[in-house]
Amino acid sequence: MTGKLIRAAMAVLGTLASLPATAQDKSDHTFTGNAALATDYIFRGISQTGEEPAVSAGFNYGHTSGIFLGVWGSNVDFNDGGQAHLEIDVFGGIRREYRGVTWELGVIHYAYPGAADTRSYDYDELRVALGYDFQIVAATASVNYSPNYFADSDTGVYYALELKAPLKLPYAPSLITGIGRQTIDKNARFGTPDYTDWRIGITLPVGGFDLSATYYDTGLNRRECANTQNCDARGVLAISKAF
């Protein structure tokens, strides 16, 4: 099922990419990278590093046709004997704008090298997103669908809404907030019931770096989170650099 999903999505991407675009030259291609150090790695409200610091980095390719490709990685620690210490995400898709509305269709493969095969950590997602900049706030709504989510937990769907607003303050900080809902077919296999997560934070550009402070929380208590603190409310500080 997963393989068919990726092949179908890539076929659609190929069709969309074949739509008329400007003549190719060096300016049609962009290559960017990013690196970050954070006090924790939070994914959909849940700590992926056991509340320990995270180091991450990524590389991205973009084309004027709207096609994008990238890879991103971070350390992880699930403390479950699965021996996963690294997450690597490989993604691609197309992103375009029509009358001010930005739309995106993409696929993401999440890999956890070194994890025991019996854990079935690796999974794929299809992502669809729509965004619009209202000037005072930019909004993005998205849905991520996986036919077999993390840990072989069957169908997983994540619905999310993110808002980003520039603040009229010194040093041009931005306020970013988001809310999401994760549904999972096999909750016992994943380790939590379906849940809602939310976050609110501020980013501040300083000397070519971005500093951020973000508050995360979920609707899960510790009993519902495998008796761990990984789903608790927490503040995360991070410094990142785009290049």
Protein backbone atom coordinates (compact mmCIF):
# COMPACT_ATOMS: atom_id res chain seq x y z
CA MET A 1 0.00 0.00 0.00
CA THR A 2 2.77 2.44 0.92
CA GLY A 3 4.68 1.81 -2.30
CA LYS A 4 1.54 2.38 -4.39
CA LEU A 5 0.87 5.65 -2.54
CA ILE A 6 4.35 7.01 -3.27
CA ARG A 7 4.27 5.91 -6.94
CA ALA A 8 0.86 7.51 -7.45
CA ALA A 9 1.92 10.74 -5.74
CA MET A 10 5.13 10.97 -7.76
CA ALA A 11 3.16 10.38 -10.98
CA VAL A 12 0.94 13.33 -10.10
CA LEU A 13 3.99 15.45 -9.28
CA GLY A 14 5.55 14.57 -12.61
CA THR A 15 2.39 15.63 -14.46
CA LEU A 16 2.18 18.92 -12.61
CA ALA A 17 5.86 19.60 -13.15
CA SER A 18 5.40 19.20 -16.92
CA LEU A 19 3.12 22.25 -17.01
CA PRO A 20 4.68 25.24 -18.81
CA ALA A 21 7.47 26.97 -16.94
CA THR A 22 10.21 29.42 -17.79
CA ALA A 23 13.24 28.30 -19.78
CA GLN A 24 15.71 26.50 -17.57
CA ASP A 25 18.91 28.25 -16.57
CA LYS A 26 20.96 28.51 -13.42
CA SER A 27 18.46 30.91 -11.83
CA ASP A 28 15.75 28.23 -12.07
CA HIS A 29 17.49 26.14 -9.40
CA THR A 30 18.00 26.96 -5.74
CA PHE A 31 19.94 25.01 -3.13
CA THR A 32 19.54 25.85 0.54
CA GLY A 33 20.43 24.32 3.86
CA ASN A 34 19.62 24.70 7.52
CA ALA A 35 21.01 23.67 10.89
CA ALA A 36 19.60 23.99 14.39
CA LEU A 37 20.32 23.31 18.04
CA ALA A 38 17.33 22.97 20.38
CA THR A 39 16.68 22.00 23.97
CA ASP A 40 14.26 19.29 22.75
CA TYR A 41 12.89 17.83 19.49
CA ILE A 42 9.11 18.00 19.53
CA PHE A 43 7.09 16.28 16.79
CA ARG A 44 3.34 16.81 16.90
CA GLY A 45 3.53 17.68 20.56
CA ILE A 46 5.61 14.69 21.70
CA SER A 47 9.30 14.73 22.60
CA GLN A 48 11.38 12.56 20.28
CA THR A 49 14.56 12.86 22.35
CA GLY A 50 13.33 11.99 25.82
CA GLU A 51 13.38 15.70 26.77
CA GLU A 52 17.06 15.94 25.83
CA PRO A 53 18.71 18.44 23.42
CA ALA A 54 18.50 17.91 19.66
CA VAL A 55 20.83 18.76 16.79
CA SER A 56 19.33 18.83 13.31
CA ALA A 57 20.28 19.76 9.76
CA GLY A 58 18.70 19.69 6.34
CA PHE A 59 19.30 20.40 2.65
CA ASN A 60 16.73 21.51 0.08
CA TYR A 61 16.48 21.86 -3.69
CA GLY A 62 13.88 24.00 -5.40
CA HIS A 63 12.95 24.67 -9.02
CA THR A 64 10.95 27.52 -10.55
CA SER A 65 8.38 24.95 -11.74
CA GLY A 66 7.47 24.49 -8.08
CA ILE A 67 9.18 21.14 -7.61
CA PHE A 68 11.11 20.75 -4.36
CA LEU A 69 13.21 17.96 -2.84
CA GLY A 70 14.98 17.70 0.47
CA VAL A 71 16.46 15.70 3.30
CA TRP A 72 16.44 16.49 7.02
CA GLY A 73 17.82 14.65 10.04
CA SER A 74 17.88 14.84 13.83
CA ASN A 75 18.97 12.75 16.77
CA VAL A 76 16.17 10.84 18.56
CA ASP A 77 15.87 8.71 21.69
CA PHE A 78 12.69 6.70 22.33
CA ASN A 79 14.25 4.82 25.28
CA ASP A 80 12.47 1.62 24.25
CA GLY A 81 15.28 -0.72 23.28
CA GLY A 82 14.68 -0.15 19.56
CA GLN A 83 18.16 1.33 19.12
CA ALA A 84 16.91 4.28 17.06
CA HIS A 85 19.25 7.22 17.56
CA LEU A 86 18.67 9.06 14.29
CA GLU A 87 15.68 10.17 12.23
CA ILE A 88 16.16 10.94 8.54
CA ASP A 89 13.31 12.44 6.51
CA VAL A 90 13.40 12.46 2.71
CA PHE A 91 10.71 14.52 1.02
CA GLY A 92 9.63 15.95 -2.29
CA GLY A 93 6.68 17.61 -3.92
CA ILE A 94 5.38 20.62 -5.75
CA ARG A 95 4.39 24.01 -4.40
CA ARG A 96 2.68 26.73 -6.44
CA GLU A 97 0.62 29.86 -6.03
CA TYR A 98 -2.70 30.76 -7.62
CA ARG A 99 -4.33 34.13 -6.94
CA GLY A 100 -2.53 34.48 -3.66
CA VAL A 101 -3.28 30.95 -2.49
CA THR A 102 -0.25 28.72 -2.09
CA TRP A 103 -0.94 25.01 -2.56
CA GLU A 104 1.37 22.08 -1.94
CA LEU A 105 1.34 18.37 -2.67
CA GLY A 106 4.18 16.22 -1.39
CA VAL A 107 5.40 12.93 0.00
CA ILE A 108 7.62 12.31 3.04
CA HIS A 109 9.55 9.18 4.02
CA TYR A 110 10.55 8.94 7.70
CA ALA A 111 13.45 6.57 8.37
CA TYR A 112 15.07 5.49 11.66
CA PRO A 113 18.39 3.78 10.82
CA GLY A 114 19.50 1.19 13.36
CA ALA A 115 16.04 0.58 14.81
CA ALA A 116 15.04 -3.07 15.21
CA ASP A 117 13.00 -4.28 12.21
CA THR A 118 10.33 -5.59 14.57
CA ARG A 119 9.64 -2.00 15.68
CA SER A 120 8.48 -0.99 12.17
CA TYR A 121 9.35 2.64 12.82
CA ASP A 122 9.79 3.69 9.16
CA TYR A 123 6.70 5.08 7.44
CA ASP A 124 5.51 7.34 4.60
CA GLU A 125 3.08 10.23 4.41
CA LEU A 126 1.24 12.10 1.68
CA ARG A 127 0.91 15.82 2.48
CA VAL A 128 -1.60 18.34 1.10
CA ALA A 129 -1.51 21.99 2.21
CA LEU A 130 -3.13 25.33 1.41
CA GLY A 131 -1.83 28.70 2.56
CA TYR A 132 -2.80 32.35 2.31
CA ASP A 133 -1.12 35.52 3.55
CA PHE A 134 -3.68 37.94 5.00
CA GLN A 135 -0.90 40.54 5.54
CA ILE A 136 -1.45 40.72 9.29
CA VAL A 137 -1.22 36.92 9.54
CA ALA A 138 -0.26 34.07 7.20
CA ALA A 139 -2.31 30.88 7.59
CA THR A 140 -1.52 27.34 6.43
CA ALA A 141 -3.90 24.39 6.69
CA SER A 142 -2.56 20.90 6.00
CA VAL A 143 -3.38 17.20 6.11
CA ASN A 144 -0.75 14.44 6.35
CA TYR A 145 -1.97 10.94 5.53
CA SER A 146 -0.07 7.71 6.20
CA PRO A 147 -1.43 4.29 5.16
CA ASN A 148 0.74 2.67 7.85
CA TYR A 149 1.89 5.12 10.48
CA PHE A 150 4.81 4.91 12.94
CA ALA A 151 5.34 1.51 14.64
CA ASP A 152 3.00 -0.32 12.24
CA SER A 153 -0.01 1.45 13.73
CA ASP A 154 -2.06 1.36 10.49
CA THR A 155 -3.70 4.48 9.06
CA GLY A 156 -2.63 7.76 10.61
CA VAL A 157 -3.94 11.21 9.69
CA TYR A 158 -2.69 14.54 11.02
CA TYR A 159 -4.79 17.70 10.54
CA ALA A 160 -3.03 20.98 11.26
CA LEU A 161 -3.48 24.74 11.16
CA GLU A 162 -0.54 27.14 11.56
CA LEU A 163 -0.64 30.93 11.90
CA LYS A 164 2.37 33.23 11.57
CA ALA A 165 2.19 36.93 12.31
CA PRO A 166 4.97 39.55 12.17
CA LEU A 167 5.08 41.66 15.32
CA LYS A 168 5.63 45.40 15.04
CA LEU A 169 8.41 45.40 17.60
CA PRO A 170 12.16 46.07 17.50
CA TYR A 171 14.25 43.37 15.74
CA ALA A 172 11.20 42.16 13.73
CA PRO A 173 10.11 39.09 15.73
CA SER A 174 7.30 36.81 14.51
CA LEU A 175 4.60 35.06 16.49
CA ILE A 176 3.91 31.48 15.38
CA THR A 177 1.08 29.33 16.68
CA GLY A 178 -0.39 26.04 15.58
CA ILE A 179 -2.85 23.33 16.48
CA GLY A 180 -3.09 19.77 15.20
CA ARG A 181 -5.10 16.59 15.58
CA GLN A 182 -3.47 13.15 15.20
CA THR A 183 -5.73 10.15 14.56
CA ILE A 184 -4.37 6.59 14.54
CA ASP A 185 -6.16 3.33 13.72
CA LYS A 186 -4.15 1.10 16.06
CA ASN A 187 -3.71 3.28 19.13
CA ALA A 188 -2.35 0.48 21.32
CA ARG A 189 0.39 -0.22 18.77
CA PHE A 190 1.34 3.47 18.53
CA GLY A 191 1.22 4.00 22.28
CA THR A 192 -1.32 6.82 22.69
CA PRO A 193 -4.99 7.46 21.96
CA ASP A 194 -5.90 10.00 19.27
CA TYR A 195 -4.84 13.40 20.55
CA THR A 196 -4.66 17.14 19.96
CA ASP A 197 -1.47 19.19 20.25
CA TRP A 198 -0.81 22.92 20.14
CA ARG A 199 2.07 25.35 20.32
CA ILE A 200 2.83 29.06 20.46
CA GLY A 201 6.20 30.70 20.07
CA ILE A 202 8.27 33.70 19.02
CA THR A 203 11.13 33.74 16.52
CA LEU A 204 13.70 36.51 16.44
CA PRO A 205 16.34 37.08 13.72
CA VAL A 206 19.68 38.05 15.26
CA GLY A 207 22.96 38.36 13.36
CA GLY A 208 21.99 35.93 10.62
CA PHE A 209 20.57 33.39 13.09
CA ASP A 210 16.99 32.74 14.18
CA LEU A 211 16.32 32.45 17.89
CA SER A 212 13.05 30.93 19.03
CA ALA A 213 11.16 30.20 22.22
CA THR A 214 8.15 27.89 21.88
CA TYR A 215 5.59 26.44 24.29
CA TYR A 216 4.21 22.98 23.39
CA ASP A 217 1.39 20.95 24.93
CA THR A 218 -0.93 18.03 24.17
CA GLY A 219 -4.23 16.70 25.46
CA LEU A 220 -2.47 13.55 26.72
CA ASN A 221 -1.70 12.74 30.34
CA ARG A 222 1.29 10.64 31.40
CA ARG A 223 -0.72 7.42 31.65
CA GLU A 224 -1.85 7.89 28.05
CA CYS A 225 1.75 8.61 27.02
CA ALA A 226 3.25 5.25 28.05
CA ASN A 227 3.78 6.62 31.58
CA THR A 228 6.41 9.07 30.35
CA GLN A 229 6.73 12.86 30.45
CA ASN A 230 7.22 13.05 26.67
CA CYS A 231 3.69 14.44 26.11
CA ASP A 232 3.82 17.01 28.92
CA ALA A 233 3.72 20.75 28.39
CA ARG A 234 7.17 22.24 27.92
CA GLY A 235 9.11 25.21 26.66
CA VAL A 236 11.77 24.75 23.99
CA LEU A 237 14.57 27.14 23.09
CA ALA A 238 16.31 26.87 19.72
CA ILE A 239 18.88 28.59 17.55
CA SER A 240 18.91 27.95 13.82
CA LYS A 241 20.74 29.09 10.72
CA ALA A 242 19.62 29.01 7.09
CA PHE A 243 22.23 29.11 4.34
